[in-house]
Amino acid sequence: MYMLYLCKAIDTMLLYYRDRKAIKPTPAIKVLEESEIERKEMEWRTLTNGIDCEVFTMRHMETYKEKTPWLTGFVNEDEVNNRHNSQLHLLRHRYISKIILSEYNMERQRIIKETIAFDKRSDKERYIKDLDKKSQRG
């Protein structure tokens, strides 16, 4: 099923590029059209985590070198002591920090200013707990 969605996404992207008059066909588009999709079998594939796709994608882009074995550093989902969740938590924080603090982030200064103001609040712990409760309700 996954491969079907992936193929449809690539076909849609190629149609978009072909239909755009302003975009000239490039060698990269030609290579993409002729490429065969290969789904890599990964030991660290999860069965229960459906929310961290972006984290896995970022880590895959950082570590993929077309070599075997592919070393991402991920432990298996069922490993003892919840190391898998700890790894994802750490990576989430690392990536969001890089995004927020990037010089290319046009909202960077506003976010930093709001963060400093929030840090000065005396009720921040209660505020975070209330926010957690609201987010858990859906």
C-alpha atoms as a PDB file:
ATOM      1  CA  MET A   1       0.000   0.000   0.000  1.00  0.00           C
ATOM      2  CA  TYR A   2       2.846   2.380   0.905  1.00  0.00           C
ATOM      3  CA  MET A   3       4.469   1.941  -2.515  1.00  0.00           C
ATOM      4  CA  LEU A   4       1.189   2.827  -4.228  1.00  0.00           C
ATOM      5  CA  TYR A   5       1.020   6.149  -2.366  1.00  0.00           C
ATOM      6  CA  LEU A   6       4.661   6.879  -3.089  1.00  0.00           C
ATOM      7  CA  CYS A   7       4.242   6.165  -6.806  1.00  0.00           C
ATOM      8  CA  LYS A   8       1.131   8.365  -6.961  1.00  0.00           C
ATOM      9  CA  ALA A   9       2.977  11.209  -5.214  1.00  0.00           C
ATOM     10  CA  ILE A  10       5.865  11.070  -7.669  1.00  0.00           C
ATOM     11  CA  ASP A  11       3.500  10.812 -10.679  1.00  0.00           C
ATOM     12  CA  THR A  12       1.584  13.847  -9.420  1.00  0.00           C
ATOM     13  CA  MET A  13       4.799  15.812  -8.978  1.00  0.00           C
ATOM     14  CA  LEU A  14       5.954  14.882 -12.482  1.00  0.00           C
ATOM     15  CA  LEU A  15       2.594  15.916 -13.954  1.00  0.00           C
ATOM     16  CA  TYR A  16       2.913  19.243 -12.180  1.00  0.00           C
ATOM     17  CA  TYR A  17       6.373  19.837 -13.659  1.00  0.00           C
ATOM     18  CA  ARG A  18       5.310  18.745 -17.153  1.00  0.00           C
ATOM     19  CA  ASP A  19       2.191  20.906 -17.165  1.00  0.00           C
ATOM     20  CA  ARG A  20       3.961  24.042 -16.015  1.00  0.00           C
ATOM     21  CA  LYS A  21       4.870  26.099 -19.070  1.00  0.00           C
ATOM     22  CA  ALA A  22       7.278  28.246 -17.057  1.00  0.00           C
ATOM     23  CA  ILE A  23       9.383  25.276 -16.005  1.00  0.00           C
ATOM     24  CA  LYS A  24      11.620  23.806 -18.676  1.00  0.00           C
ATOM     25  CA  PRO A  25      12.250  20.074 -18.479  1.00  0.00           C
ATOM     26  CA  THR A  26      15.554  19.539 -16.734  1.00  0.00           C
ATOM     27  CA  PRO A  27      17.855  16.527 -16.587  1.00  0.00           C
ATOM     28  CA  ALA A  28      16.778  16.007 -12.965  1.00  0.00           C
ATOM     29  CA  ILE A  29      13.111  15.716 -13.978  1.00  0.00           C
ATOM     30  CA  LYS A  30      14.077  13.254 -16.723  1.00  0.00           C
ATOM     31  CA  VAL A  31      16.039  11.147 -14.214  1.00  0.00           C
ATOM     32  CA  LEU A  32      13.077  11.195 -11.820  1.00  0.00           C
ATOM     33  CA  GLU A  33      10.712  10.086 -14.598  1.00  0.00           C
ATOM     34  CA  GLU A  34      12.939   7.129 -15.435  1.00  0.00           C
ATOM     35  CA  SER A  35      13.743   6.171 -11.838  1.00  0.00           C
ATOM     36  CA  GLU A  36      12.548   2.981 -10.292  1.00  0.00           C
ATOM     37  CA  ILE A  37      11.297   3.326  -6.747  1.00  0.00           C
ATOM     38  CA  GLU A  38      12.977   1.043  -4.247  1.00  0.00           C
ATOM     39  CA  ARG A  39      11.644   0.716  -0.743  1.00  0.00           C
ATOM     40  CA  LYS A  40      14.476   0.084   1.683  1.00  0.00           C
ATOM     41  CA  GLU A  41      13.927  -2.520   4.361  1.00  0.00           C
ATOM     42  CA  MET A  42      14.903  -0.932   7.646  1.00  0.00           C
ATOM     43  CA  GLU A  43      15.463  -2.786  10.905  1.00  0.00           C
ATOM     44  CA  TRP A  44      14.223   0.222  12.872  1.00  0.00           C
ATOM     45  CA  ARG A  45      10.824   0.381  11.129  1.00  0.00           C
ATOM     46  CA  THR A  46       8.122   0.985  13.737  1.00  0.00           C
ATOM     47  CA  LEU A  47       4.774  -0.703  14.167  1.00  0.00           C
ATOM     48  CA  THR A  48       3.094   1.703  16.565  1.00  0.00           C
ATOM     49  CA  ASN A  49       4.589   5.142  15.877  1.00  0.00           C
ATOM     50  CA  GLY A  50       2.554   7.067  13.343  1.00  0.00           C
ATOM     51  CA  ILE A  51       3.440  10.605  14.398  1.00  0.00           C
ATOM     52  CA  ASP A  52       7.197  10.953  13.953  1.00  0.00           C
ATOM     53  CA  CYS A  53       7.457  10.627  10.160  1.00  0.00           C
ATOM     54  CA  GLU A  54       9.233  13.993   9.913  1.00  0.00           C
ATOM     55  CA  VAL A  55      11.807  12.983  12.528  1.00  0.00           C
ATOM     56  CA  PHE A  56      12.551   9.737  10.700  1.00  0.00           C
ATOM     57  CA  THR A  57      12.747  11.596   7.372  1.00  0.00           C
ATOM     58  CA  MET A  58      15.205  14.169   8.731  1.00  0.00           C
ATOM     59  CA  ARG A  59      17.374  11.458  10.275  1.00  0.00           C
ATOM     60  CA  HIS A  60      17.288   9.436   7.060  1.00  0.00           C
ATOM     61  CA  MET A  61      18.409  12.469   5.040  1.00  0.00           C
ATOM     62  CA  GLU A  62      21.265  13.034   7.497  1.00  0.00           C
ATOM     63  CA  THR A  63      22.535   9.469   7.456  1.00  0.00           C
ATOM     64  CA  TYR A  64      21.760   7.896   4.067  1.00  0.00           C
ATOM     65  CA  LYS A  65      24.967   7.346   2.072  1.00  0.00           C
ATOM     66  CA  GLU A  66      23.897   4.562  -0.360  1.00  0.00           C
ATOM     67  CA  LYS A  67      26.100   2.170   1.593  1.00  0.00           C
ATOM     68  CA  THR A  68      25.310  -1.017   3.415  1.00  0.00           C
ATOM     69  CA  PRO A  69      24.738  -1.162   6.294  1.00  0.00           C
ATOM     70  CA  TRP A  70      22.724   2.035   6.674  1.00  0.00           C
ATOM     71  CA  LEU A  71      23.647   3.403  10.093  1.00  0.00           C
ATOM     72  CA  THR A  72      20.979   5.731  11.480  1.00  0.00           C
ATOM     73  CA  GLY A  73      21.697   5.063  15.116  1.00  0.00           C
ATOM     74  CA  PHE A  74      18.059   4.126  15.784  1.00  0.00           C
ATOM     75  CA  VAL A  75      17.392   1.298  18.196  1.00  0.00           C
ATOM     76  CA  ASN A  76      14.460  -1.011  17.594  1.00  0.00           C
ATOM     77  CA  GLU A  77      11.050   0.107  18.814  1.00  0.00           C
ATOM     78  CA  ASP A  78      10.671  -2.793  21.248  1.00  0.00           C
ATOM     79  CA  GLU A  79      14.043  -2.319  22.909  1.00  0.00           C
ATOM     80  CA  VAL A  80      14.260  -2.237  26.702  1.00  0.00           C
ATOM     81  CA  ASN A  81      14.039   1.000  28.735  1.00  0.00           C
ATOM     82  CA  ASN A  82      12.217   2.949  26.027  1.00  0.00           C
ATOM     83  CA  ARG A  83      15.479   4.049  24.368  1.00  0.00           C
ATOM     84  CA  HIS A  84      13.641   4.393  21.063  1.00  0.00           C
ATOM     85  CA  ASN A  85      11.274   7.040  22.462  1.00  0.00           C
ATOM     86  CA  SER A  86      14.190   8.833  24.126  1.00  0.00           C
ATOM     87  CA  GLN A  87      16.025   8.971  20.800  1.00  0.00           C
ATOM     88  CA  LEU A  88      12.989  10.404  19.019  1.00  0.00           C
ATOM     89  CA  HIS A  89      12.477  12.954  21.791  1.00  0.00           C
ATOM     90  CA  LEU A  90      16.100  14.101  21.523  1.00  0.00           C
ATOM     91  CA  LEU A  91      15.944  14.334  17.718  1.00  0.00           C
ATOM     92  CA  ARG A  92      12.643  16.269  17.840  1.00  0.00           C
ATOM     93  CA  HIS A  93      14.276  18.827  20.112  1.00  0.00           C
ATOM     94  CA  ARG A  94      17.425  18.996  18.012  1.00  0.00           C
ATOM     95  CA  TYR A  95      15.540  19.584  14.755  1.00  0.00           C
ATOM     96  CA  ILE A  96      13.065  22.115  16.126  1.00  0.00           C
ATOM     97  CA  SER A  97      15.916  24.054  17.752  1.00  0.00           C
ATOM     98  CA  LYS A  98      17.809  24.203  14.466  1.00  0.00           C
ATOM     99  CA  ILE A  99      14.684  25.317  12.601  1.00  0.00           C
ATOM    100  CA  ILE A 100      13.722  27.985  15.128  1.00  0.00           C
ATOM    101  CA  LEU A 101      17.248  29.351  15.554  1.00  0.00           C
ATOM    102  CA  SER A 102      18.122  29.296  11.862  1.00  0.00           C
ATOM    103  CA  GLU A 103      19.117  32.646  10.401  1.00  0.00           C
ATOM    104  CA  TYR A 104      16.679  31.873   7.555  1.00  0.00           C
ATOM    105  CA  ASN A 105      13.695  31.666   9.900  1.00  0.00           C
ATOM    106  CA  MET A 106      11.858  34.949   9.377  1.00  0.00           C
ATOM    107  CA  GLU A 107      10.039  34.488  12.716  1.00  0.00           C
ATOM    108  CA  ARG A 108      13.213  33.805  14.676  1.00  0.00           C
ATOM    109  CA  GLN A 109      13.478  37.127  16.522  1.00  0.00           C
ATOM    110  CA  ARG A 110       9.778  37.158  17.427  1.00  0.00           C
ATOM    111  CA  ILE A 111       9.980  33.604  18.796  1.00  0.00           C
ATOM    112  CA  ILE A 112      13.114  34.384  20.815  1.00  0.00           C
ATOM    113  CA  LYS A 113      11.492  37.512  22.237  1.00  0.00           C
ATOM    114  CA  GLU A 114       8.313  35.603  23.180  1.00  0.00           C
ATOM    115  CA  THR A 115      10.385  32.806  24.723  1.00  0.00           C
ATOM    116  CA  ILE A 116      12.303  35.253  26.916  1.00  0.00           C
ATOM    117  CA  ALA A 117       9.018  36.868  27.988  1.00  0.00           C
ATOM    118  CA  PHE A 118       7.509  33.455  28.749  1.00  0.00           C
ATOM    119  CA  ASP A 119      10.550  32.453  30.784  1.00  0.00           C
ATOM    120  CA  LYS A 120       9.982  35.491  33.029  1.00  0.00           C
ATOM    121  CA  ARG A 121       6.387  34.440  33.834  1.00  0.00           C
ATOM    122  CA  SER A 122       5.855  33.295  37.405  1.00  0.00           C
ATOM    123  CA  ASP A 123       3.031  30.904  36.381  1.00  0.00           C
ATOM    124  CA  LYS A 124       4.824  29.147  33.515  1.00  0.00           C
ATOM    125  CA  GLU A 125       4.766  25.675  35.116  1.00  0.00           C
ATOM    126  CA  ARG A 126       0.994  25.840  35.681  1.00  0.00           C
ATOM    127  CA  TYR A 127       0.544  27.250  32.169  1.00  0.00           C
ATOM    128  CA  ILE A 128       2.511  24.341  30.628  1.00  0.00           C
ATOM    129  CA  LYS A 129       0.513  21.770  32.638  1.00  0.00           C
ATOM    130  CA  ASP A 130      -2.748  23.355  31.461  1.00  0.00           C
ATOM    131  CA  LEU A 131      -1.478  23.336  27.888  1.00  0.00           C
ATOM    132  CA  ASP A 132      -0.528  19.655  28.195  1.00  0.00           C
ATOM    133  CA  LYS A 133      -4.016  18.797  29.471  1.00  0.00           C
ATOM    134  CA  LYS A 134      -5.655  20.691  26.592  1.00  0.00           C
ATOM    135  CA  SER A 135      -3.449  19.003  23.998  1.00  0.00           C
ATOM    136  CA  GLN A 136      -4.185  15.524  25.393  1.00  0.00           C
ATOM    137  CA  ARG A 137      -7.929  16.072  25.054  1.00  0.00           C
ATOM    138  CA  GLY A 138      -7.489  16.463  21.332  1.00  0.00           C
END
